[in-house]
Amino acid sequence: FVESTSRPSLTIGSTAIDFLNTKTYVAGKYEWGEISVTFRDPIGPSASQAIMEWVRLHSESITGRQGYAAGYKRPVELEMLDPTGVVIEKWLLDGTMLTNVGFGDLAMDDDSIAEVTATLRFDRAILLF
């Protein structure tokens, strides 16, 4: 269902160490950035339904019940394919949760495929190959 996404990115902080009239720097904490994913939403199987089921694990809109991280955080695999469909790069996004979901715009005069967008926040990304 994935139509487009970006690969993981990270920001490495730096910590200054002062000594007399100079500074040296060492690597500080790093943080993985969020990624946006656009899904095609065919009639069957429905990407909207699959995403909404995951949303309901985060927070149930009808009852207001919040979910536990152990229930809604998931491992997500991101694969890059070559032109023949062979996986040439694979990332494991560990501890992934949703932070934003959009079910797209619809119009009677537009014959394009319906889309769902989601923003994913993850604890760590592991490049497997």
Protein backbone atom coordinates (compact mmCIF):
# COMPACT_ATOMS: atom_id res chain seq x y z
CA PHE A 1 0.00 0.00 0.00
CA VAL A 2 2.94 2.41 0.47
CA GLU A 3 3.06 4.97 -2.31
CA SER A 4 5.82 7.20 -0.93
CA THR A 5 7.90 7.74 2.19
CA SER A 6 11.27 8.99 3.29
CA ARG A 7 14.10 7.02 4.81
CA PRO A 8 14.98 7.59 8.47
CA SER A 9 17.00 10.64 9.46
CA LEU A 10 18.62 11.60 12.72
CA THR A 11 20.00 14.65 14.45
CA ILE A 12 23.08 14.32 16.64
CA GLY A 13 23.42 16.90 19.35
CA SER A 14 26.77 18.26 20.45
CA THR A 15 28.11 19.12 23.88
CA ALA A 16 30.72 21.84 24.31
CA ILE A 17 33.61 21.32 26.70
CA ASP A 18 35.09 24.63 27.78
CA PHE A 19 38.79 24.82 28.55
CA LEU A 20 40.48 28.18 29.12
CA ASN A 21 39.67 30.22 25.99
CA THR A 22 38.72 27.32 23.71
CA LYS A 23 35.91 24.87 23.20
CA THR A 24 35.98 21.30 22.02
CA TYR A 25 32.90 19.30 21.17
CA VAL A 26 31.74 15.75 21.71
CA ALA A 27 28.68 13.99 20.39
CA GLY A 28 25.59 14.37 22.53
CA LYS A 29 22.22 12.68 22.43
CA TYR A 30 20.73 11.86 19.09
CA GLU A 31 17.12 11.79 18.02
CA TRP A 32 15.48 10.00 15.13
CA GLY A 33 13.15 12.26 13.13
CA GLU A 34 9.57 11.44 12.23
CA ILE A 35 8.80 10.14 8.75
CA SER A 36 5.70 10.71 6.64
CA VAL A 37 4.19 7.82 4.72
CA THR A 38 1.55 8.02 1.98
CA PHE A 39 -0.55 4.90 1.46
CA ARG A 40 -2.77 4.06 -1.49
CA ASP A 41 -6.26 3.27 -0.23
CA PRO A 42 -7.88 0.62 -2.44
CA ILE A 43 -11.44 -0.54 -1.76
CA GLY A 44 -10.28 -3.94 -0.60
CA PRO A 45 -8.28 -4.50 1.46
CA SER A 46 -8.77 -1.06 2.98
CA ALA A 47 -5.69 0.88 4.08
CA SER A 48 -8.01 3.27 5.95
CA GLN A 49 -9.41 0.44 8.03
CA ALA A 50 -5.97 -0.99 8.83
CA ILE A 51 -4.63 2.45 9.89
CA MET A 52 -7.77 3.20 11.94
CA GLU A 53 -7.39 -0.09 13.83
CA TRP A 54 -3.86 1.01 14.78
CA VAL A 55 -5.16 4.48 15.77
CA ARG A 56 -7.69 2.85 18.12
CA LEU A 57 -4.84 1.12 19.95
CA HIS A 58 -3.40 4.58 20.74
CA SER A 59 -6.66 6.17 21.84
CA GLU A 60 -10.29 5.13 21.41
CA SER A 61 -12.23 8.14 20.10
CA ILE A 62 -15.63 6.87 21.28
CA THR A 63 -14.73 6.07 24.90
CA GLY A 64 -11.65 8.30 25.34
CA ARG A 65 -9.66 5.32 26.64
CA GLN A 66 -5.91 5.65 26.15
CA GLY A 67 -3.90 2.62 25.13
CA TYR A 68 -0.69 1.28 26.64
CA ALA A 69 2.59 1.77 24.76
CA ALA A 70 3.08 -2.01 24.79
CA GLY A 71 -0.14 -2.28 22.75
CA TYR A 72 0.26 0.50 20.18
CA LYS A 73 4.04 0.68 19.62
CA ARG A 74 5.02 -1.69 16.83
CA PRO A 75 8.07 -2.73 14.87
CA VAL A 76 7.74 -1.47 11.30
CA GLU A 77 9.84 -2.67 8.37
CA LEU A 78 10.69 -0.25 5.59
CA GLU A 79 11.95 -1.91 2.40
CA MET A 80 13.46 -0.33 -0.70
CA LEU A 81 12.90 -2.34 -3.86
CA ASP A 82 14.83 -2.45 -7.10
CA PRO A 83 12.92 -2.26 -10.43
CA THR A 84 12.25 -6.01 -10.37
CA GLY A 85 10.79 -5.96 -6.83
CA VAL A 86 13.83 -7.39 -5.01
CA VAL A 87 14.51 -5.87 -1.58
CA ILE A 88 17.84 -4.01 -1.71
CA GLU A 89 17.61 -2.05 1.55
CA LYS A 90 15.70 -2.83 4.73
CA TRP A 91 15.16 -0.73 7.86
CA LEU A 92 13.58 -1.86 11.12
CA LEU A 93 11.79 1.02 12.86
CA ASP A 94 11.56 -0.13 16.47
CA GLY A 95 8.89 1.19 18.83
CA THR A 96 6.85 2.93 16.12
CA MET A 97 3.70 4.89 16.89
CA LEU A 98 1.43 7.21 14.91
CA THR A 99 1.56 10.95 15.56
CA ASN A 100 -0.61 12.23 12.68
CA VAL A 101 -3.06 10.56 10.29
CA GLY A 102 -4.89 12.14 7.35
CA PHE A 103 -7.54 10.28 5.39
CA GLY A 104 -7.20 12.54 2.33
CA ASP A 105 -9.45 14.69 0.20
CA LEU A 106 -12.14 13.36 -2.15
CA ALA A 107 -13.83 15.02 -5.11
CA MET A 108 -16.37 13.81 -7.67
CA ASP A 109 -14.37 15.33 -10.56
CA ASP A 110 -11.08 13.68 -9.50
CA ASP A 111 -10.40 10.12 -10.65
CA SER A 112 -7.11 9.68 -8.75
CA ILE A 113 -6.55 6.94 -6.21
CA ALA A 114 -7.62 7.72 -2.64
CA GLU A 115 -4.72 8.16 -0.22
CA VAL A 116 -4.06 8.01 3.51
CA THR A 117 -1.09 9.83 5.03
CA ALA A 118 0.52 9.01 8.36
CA THR A 119 3.40 10.41 10.36
CA LEU A 120 5.44 7.82 12.23
CA ARG A 121 7.54 8.44 15.34
CA PHE A 122 9.91 5.65 16.33
CA ASP A 123 12.41 5.03 19.12
CA ARG A 124 15.25 3.76 16.95
CA ALA A 125 15.96 2.76 13.36
CA ILE A 126 18.17 -0.19 12.48
CA LEU A 127 19.56 -0.56 8.96
CA LEU A 128 19.50 -4.35 8.45
CA PHE A 129 21.01 -4.29 4.93
